[in-house]
Amino acid sequence: MVNIETIVKDWMTKNEIGLGKVMQPFRLSLVGALKEPHLFDIVEMIGKEETIVRLQKAIATQ
């Protein structure tokens, strides 16, 4: 199984992007809050398809 947390964090490191620039908007788009629960626990619970849907909705509202 691919670990999405590792993939995202590796991508952020490679692109020199800070945690706050990615994780806060990511969490906000998934649960509507900037704190808790752990972001990747949410992704695991709601699954890939729902994660994609929520991210697409967040992008569309920008």
PDB file of N, CA and C in Angstrom:
ATOM      1  N   MET A   1       0.846  -1.175   0.000  1.00  0.00           N
ATOM      2  CA  MET A   1       0.000   0.000   0.000  1.00  0.00           C
ATOM      3  C   MET A   1       0.895   1.242   0.000  1.00  0.00           C
ATOM      4  N   VAL A   2       0.533   2.197  -0.819  1.00  0.00           N
ATOM      5  CA  VAL A   2       1.275   3.444  -0.919  1.00  0.00           C
ATOM      6  C   VAL A   2       0.939   4.320   0.288  1.00  0.00           C
ATOM      7  N   ASN A   3       1.962   4.860   0.921  1.00  0.00           N
ATOM      8  CA  ASN A   3       1.759   5.728   2.071  1.00  0.00           C
ATOM      9  C   ASN A   3       1.672   7.167   1.580  1.00  0.00           C
ATOM     10  N   ILE A   4       0.472   7.716   1.550  1.00  0.00           N
ATOM     11  CA  ILE A   4       0.245   9.062   1.026  1.00  0.00           C
ATOM     12  C   ILE A   4       0.995  10.111   1.835  1.00  0.00           C
ATOM     13  N   GLU A   5       1.117   9.905   3.127  1.00  0.00           N
ATOM     14  CA  GLU A   5       1.835  10.870   3.962  1.00  0.00           C
ATOM     15  C   GLU A   5       3.289  10.980   3.523  1.00  0.00           C
ATOM     16  N   THR A   6       3.932   9.860   3.290  1.00  0.00           N
ATOM     17  CA  THR A   6       5.323   9.859   2.835  1.00  0.00           C
ATOM     18  C   THR A   6       5.448  10.526   1.478  1.00  0.00           C
ATOM     19  N   ILE A   7       4.532  10.227   0.577  1.00  0.00           N
ATOM     20  CA  ILE A   7       4.572  10.812  -0.765  1.00  0.00           C
ATOM     21  C   ILE A   7       4.439  12.332  -0.695  1.00  0.00           C
ATOM     22  N   VAL A   8       3.466  12.819   0.061  1.00  0.00           N
ATOM     23  CA  VAL A   8       3.235  14.262   0.162  1.00  0.00           C
ATOM     24  C   VAL A   8       4.428  14.952   0.818  1.00  0.00           C
ATOM     25  N   LYS A   9       4.924  14.399   1.908  1.00  0.00           N
ATOM     26  CA  LYS A   9       6.048  15.027   2.608  1.00  0.00           C
ATOM     27  C   LYS A   9       7.322  14.993   1.765  1.00  0.00           C
ATOM     28  N   ASP A  10       7.552  13.909   1.048  1.00  0.00           N
ATOM     29  CA  ASP A  10       8.712  13.842   0.146  1.00  0.00           C
ATOM     30  C   ASP A  10       8.598  14.889  -0.954  1.00  0.00           C
ATOM     31  N   TRP A  11       7.400  15.052  -1.508  1.00  0.00           N
ATOM     32  CA  TRP A  11       7.171  16.049  -2.559  1.00  0.00           C
ATOM     33  C   TRP A  11       7.422  17.457  -2.024  1.00  0.00           C
ATOM     34  N   MET A  12       6.935  17.724  -0.804  1.00  0.00           N
ATOM     35  CA  MET A  12       7.133  19.044  -0.213  1.00  0.00           C
ATOM     36  C   MET A  12       8.619  19.322   0.025  1.00  0.00           C
ATOM     37  N   THR A  13       9.343  18.340   0.508  1.00  0.00           N
ATOM     38  CA  THR A  13      10.778  18.499   0.735  1.00  0.00           C
ATOM     39  C   THR A  13      11.502  18.743  -0.579  1.00  0.00           C
ATOM     40  N   LYS A  14      11.193  17.936  -1.571  1.00  0.00           N
ATOM     41  CA  LYS A  14      11.828  18.057  -2.887  1.00  0.00           C
ATOM     42  C   LYS A  14      11.585  19.434  -3.495  1.00  0.00           C
ATOM     43  N   ASN A  15      10.394  19.983  -3.281  1.00  0.00           N
ATOM     44  CA  ASN A  15      10.026  21.275  -3.859  1.00  0.00           C
ATOM     45  C   ASN A  15      10.229  22.447  -2.900  1.00  0.00           C
ATOM     46  N   GLU A  16      10.829  22.149  -1.741  1.00  0.00           N
ATOM     47  CA  GLU A  16      11.125  23.169  -0.732  1.00  0.00           C
ATOM     48  C   GLU A  16       9.891  23.983  -0.348  1.00  0.00           C
ATOM     49  N   ILE A  17       8.819  23.260  -0.073  1.00  0.00           N
ATOM     50  CA  ILE A  17       7.555  23.877   0.327  1.00  0.00           C
ATOM     51  C   ILE A  17       7.308  23.526   1.793  1.00  0.00           C
ATOM     52  N   GLY A  18       7.019  24.531   2.605  1.00  0.00           N
ATOM     53  CA  GLY A  18       6.791  24.319   4.026  1.00  0.00           C
ATOM     54  C   GLY A  18       5.492  23.583   4.317  1.00  0.00           C
ATOM     55  N   LEU A  19       5.460  22.943   5.473  1.00  0.00           N
ATOM     56  CA  LEU A  19       4.278  22.183   5.888  1.00  0.00           C
ATOM     57  C   LEU A  19       3.011  23.032   5.887  1.00  0.00           C
ATOM     58  N   GLY A  20       3.084  24.237   6.422  1.00  0.00           N
ATOM     59  CA  GLY A  20       1.901  25.089   6.526  1.00  0.00           C
ATOM     60  C   GLY A  20       1.296  25.465   5.190  1.00  0.00           C
ATOM     61  N   LYS A  21       2.115  25.569   4.169  1.00  0.00           N
ATOM     62  CA  LYS A  21       1.610  25.954   2.845  1.00  0.00           C
ATOM     63  C   LYS A  21       0.785  24.845   2.206  1.00  0.00           C
ATOM     64  N   VAL A  22       1.017  23.613   2.609  1.00  0.00           N
ATOM     65  CA  VAL A  22       0.297  22.483   2.016  1.00  0.00           C
ATOM     66  C   VAL A  22      -0.690  21.870   3.002  1.00  0.00           C
ATOM     67  N   MET A  23      -0.238  21.599   4.204  1.00  0.00           N
ATOM     68  CA  MET A  23      -1.051  20.833   5.143  1.00  0.00           C
ATOM     69  C   MET A  23      -2.297  21.581   5.612  1.00  0.00           C
ATOM     70  N   GLN A  24      -2.178  22.859   5.917  1.00  0.00           N
ATOM     71  CA  GLN A  24      -3.355  23.589   6.392  1.00  0.00           C
ATOM     72  C   GLN A  24      -4.438  23.687   5.321  1.00  0.00           C
ATOM     73  N   PRO A  25      -4.110  24.095   4.090  1.00  0.00           N
ATOM     74  CA  PRO A  25      -5.159  24.112   3.066  1.00  0.00           C
ATOM     75  C   PRO A  25      -5.715  22.714   2.770  1.00  0.00           C
ATOM     76  N   PHE A  26      -4.845  21.710   2.804  1.00  0.00           N
ATOM     77  CA  PHE A  26      -5.254  20.327   2.561  1.00  0.00           C
ATOM     78  C   PHE A  26      -6.265  19.906   3.625  1.00  0.00           C
ATOM     79  N   ARG A  27      -5.937  20.135   4.891  1.00  0.00           N
ATOM     80  CA  ARG A  27      -6.838  19.771   5.990  1.00  0.00           C
ATOM     81  C   ARG A  27      -8.141  20.569   5.905  1.00  0.00           C
ATOM     82  N   LEU A  28      -8.033  21.858   5.641  1.00  0.00           N
ATOM     83  CA  LEU A  28      -9.224  22.704   5.539  1.00  0.00           C
ATOM     84  C   LEU A  28     -10.166  22.202   4.451  1.00  0.00           C
ATOM     85  N   SER A  29      -9.615  21.784   3.329  1.00  0.00           N
ATOM     86  CA  SER A  29     -10.462  21.304   2.235  1.00  0.00           C
ATOM     87  C   SER A  29     -11.096  19.952   2.542  1.00  0.00           C
ATOM     88  N   LEU A  30     -10.483  19.171   3.430  1.00  0.00           N
ATOM     89  CA  LEU A  30     -11.041  17.856   3.746  1.00  0.00           C
ATOM     90  C   LEU A  30     -12.056  17.893   4.878  1.00  0.00           C
ATOM     91  N   VAL A  31     -11.786  18.688   5.922  1.00  0.00           N
ATOM     92  CA  VAL A  31     -12.672  18.662   7.090  1.00  0.00           C
ATOM     93  C   VAL A  31     -13.232  20.015   7.490  1.00  0.00           C
ATOM     94  N   GLY A  32     -12.790  21.080   6.837  1.00  0.00           N
ATOM     95  CA  GLY A  32     -13.308  22.403   7.155  1.00  0.00           C
ATOM     96  C   GLY A  32     -12.728  23.019   8.411  1.00  0.00           C
ATOM     97  N   ALA A  33     -11.602  22.500   8.883  1.00  0.00           N
ATOM     98  CA  ALA A  33     -10.942  23.040  10.075  1.00  0.00           C
ATOM     99  C   ALA A  33      -9.433  23.010   9.869  1.00  0.00           C
ATOM    100  N   LEU A  34      -8.734  23.896  10.563  1.00  0.00           N
ATOM    101  CA  LEU A  34      -7.283  23.964  10.404  1.00  0.00           C
ATOM    102  C   LEU A  34      -6.520  23.100  11.401  1.00  0.00           C
ATOM    103  N   LYS A  35      -7.224  22.558  12.401  1.00  0.00           N
ATOM    104  CA  LYS A  35      -6.554  21.733  13.409  1.00  0.00           C
ATOM    105  C   LYS A  35      -7.309  20.431  13.599  1.00  0.00           C
ATOM    106  N   GLU A  36      -6.555  19.432  13.956  1.00  0.00           N
ATOM    107  CA  GLU A  36      -7.064  18.104  14.312  1.00  0.00           C
ATOM    108  C   GLU A  36      -8.224  17.670  13.434  1.00  0.00           C
ATOM    109  N   PRO A  37      -8.488  16.479  13.221  1.00  0.00           N
ATOM    110  CA  PRO A  37      -7.635  15.326  13.493  1.00  0.00           C
ATOM    111  C   PRO A  37      -6.449  15.277  12.534  1.00  0.00           C
ATOM    112  N   HIS A  38      -5.585  14.295  12.731  1.00  0.00           N
ATOM    113  CA  HIS A  38      -4.394  14.137  11.895  1.00  0.00           C
ATOM    114  C   HIS A  38      -4.817  13.998  10.430  1.00  0.00           C
ATOM    115  N   LEU A  39      -4.228  14.818   9.590  1.00  0.00           N
ATOM    116  CA  LEU A  39      -4.613  14.911   8.183  1.00  0.00           C
ATOM    117  C   LEU A  39      -4.634  13.565   7.473  1.00  0.00           C
ATOM    118  N   PHE A  40      -3.601  12.789   7.640  1.00  0.00           N
ATOM    119  CA  PHE A  40      -3.522  11.547   6.885  1.00  0.00           C
ATOM    120  C   PHE A  40      -4.402  10.445   7.469  1.00  0.00           C
ATOM    121  N   ASP A  41      -4.826  10.595   8.718  1.00  0.00           N
ATOM    122  CA  ASP A  41      -5.855   9.702   9.260  1.00  0.00           C
ATOM    123  C   ASP A  41      -7.176   9.976   8.542  1.00  0.00           C
ATOM    124  N   ILE A  42      -7.443  11.255   8.282  1.00  0.00           N
ATOM    125  CA  ILE A  42      -8.658  11.640   7.558  1.00  0.00           C
ATOM    126  C   ILE A  42      -8.646  11.034   6.163  1.00  0.00           C
ATOM    127  N   VAL A  43      -7.524  11.204   5.472  1.00  0.00           N
ATOM    128  CA  VAL A  43      -7.398  10.669   4.112  1.00  0.00           C
ATOM    129  C   VAL A  43      -7.647   9.166   4.114  1.00  0.00           C
ATOM    130  N   GLU A  44      -7.084   8.476   5.081  1.00  0.00           N
ATOM    131  CA  GLU A  44      -7.266   7.025   5.166  1.00  0.00           C
ATOM    132  C   GLU A  44      -8.726   6.666   5.434  1.00  0.00           C
ATOM    133  N   MET A  45      -9.388   7.429   6.289  1.00  0.00           N
ATOM    134  CA  MET A  45     -10.784   7.138   6.636  1.00  0.00           C
ATOM    135  C   MET A  45     -11.744   7.398   5.482  1.00  0.00           C
ATOM    136  N   ILE A  46     -11.571   8.522   4.783  1.00  0.00           N
ATOM    137  CA  ILE A  46     -12.532   8.851   3.728  1.00  0.00           C
ATOM    138  C   ILE A  46     -12.172   8.240   2.386  1.00  0.00           C
ATOM    139  N   GLY A  47     -10.939   7.815   2.229  1.00  0.00           N
ATOM    140  CA  GLY A  47     -10.530   7.135   1.003  1.00  0.00           C
ATOM    141  C   GLY A  47     -10.082   8.072  -0.104  1.00  0.00           C
ATOM    142  N   LYS A  48      -9.463   7.483  -1.086  1.00  0.00           N
ATOM    143  CA  LYS A  48      -8.877   8.225  -2.203  1.00  0.00           C
ATOM    144  C   LYS A  48      -9.921   9.017  -2.983  1.00  0.00           C
ATOM    145  N   GLU A  49     -11.004   8.371  -3.360  1.00  0.00           N
ATOM    146  CA  GLU A  49     -12.005   9.027  -4.207  1.00  0.00           C
ATOM    147  C   GLU A  49     -12.622  10.242  -3.517  1.00  0.00           C
ATOM    148  N   GLU A  50     -13.018  10.091  -2.253  1.00  0.00           N
ATOM    149  CA  GLU A  50     -13.628  11.206  -1.524  1.00  0.00           C
ATOM    150  C   GLU A  50     -12.607  12.313  -1.271  1.00  0.00           C
ATOM    151  N   THR A  51     -11.360  11.940  -1.026  1.00  0.00           N
ATOM    152  CA  THR A  51     -10.302  12.943  -0.862  1.00  0.00           C
ATOM    153  C   THR A  51     -10.176  13.777  -2.126  1.00  0.00           C
ATOM    154  N   ILE A  52     -10.164  13.124  -3.265  1.00  0.00           N
ATOM    155  CA  ILE A  52     -10.055  13.827  -4.550  1.00  0.00           C
ATOM    156  C   ILE A  52     -11.251  14.744  -4.764  1.00  0.00           C
ATOM    157  N   VAL A  53     -12.447  14.254  -4.485  1.00  0.00           N
ATOM    158  CA  VAL A  53     -13.661  15.065  -4.649  1.00  0.00           C
ATOM    159  C   VAL A  53     -13.583  16.323  -3.788  1.00  0.00           C
ATOM    160  N   ARG A  54     -13.190  16.170  -2.543  1.00  0.00           N
ATOM    161  CA  ARG A  54     -13.133  17.320  -1.636  1.00  0.00           C
ATOM    162  C   ARG A  54     -12.054  18.315  -2.057  1.00  0.00           C
ATOM    163  N   LEU A  55     -10.923  17.808  -2.516  1.00  0.00           N
ATOM    164  CA  LEU A  55      -9.863  18.709  -2.990  1.00  0.00           C
ATOM    165  C   LEU A  55     -10.311  19.457  -4.246  1.00  0.00           C
ATOM    166  N   GLN A  56     -10.988  18.762  -5.140  1.00  0.00           N
ATOM    167  CA  GLN A  56     -11.484  19.418  -6.354  1.00  0.00           C
ATOM    168  C   GLN A  56     -12.496  20.511  -6.019  1.00  0.00           C
ATOM    169  N   LYS A  57     -13.379  20.252  -5.052  1.00  0.00           N
ATOM    170  CA  LYS A  57     -14.348  21.267  -4.629  1.00  0.00           C
ATOM    171  C   LYS A  57     -13.633  22.482  -4.043  1.00  0.00           C
ATOM    172  N   ALA A  58     -12.610  22.234  -3.237  1.00  0.00           N
ATOM    173  CA  ALA A  58     -11.859  23.337  -2.632  1.00  0.00           C
ATOM    174  C   ALA A  58     -11.158  24.165  -3.701  1.00  0.00           C
ATOM    175  N   ILE A  59     -10.585  23.514  -4.684  1.00  0.00           N
ATOM    176  CA  ILE A  59      -9.903  24.217  -5.774  1.00  0.00           C
ATOM    177  C   ILE A  59     -10.901  25.036  -6.581  1.00  0.00           C
ATOM    178  N   ALA A  60     -12.071  24.470  -6.822  1.00  0.00           N
ATOM    179  CA  ALA A  60     -13.091  25.150  -7.624  1.00  0.00           C
ATOM    180  C   ALA A  60     -13.612  26.417  -6.949  1.00  0.00           C
ATOM    181  N   THR A  61     -13.552  26.473  -5.632  1.00  0.00           N
ATOM    182  CA  THR A  61     -14.059  27.645  -4.917  1.00  0.00           C
ATOM    183  C   THR A  61     -13.034  28.766  -4.823  1.00  0.00           C
ATOM    184  N   GLN A  62     -11.847  28.525  -5.291  1.00  0.00           N
ATOM    185  CA  GLN A  62     -10.792  29.562  -5.217  1.00  0.00           C
ATOM    186  C   GLN A  62     -10.959  30.576  -6.279  1.00  0.00           C
TER     187      GLN A  62
END
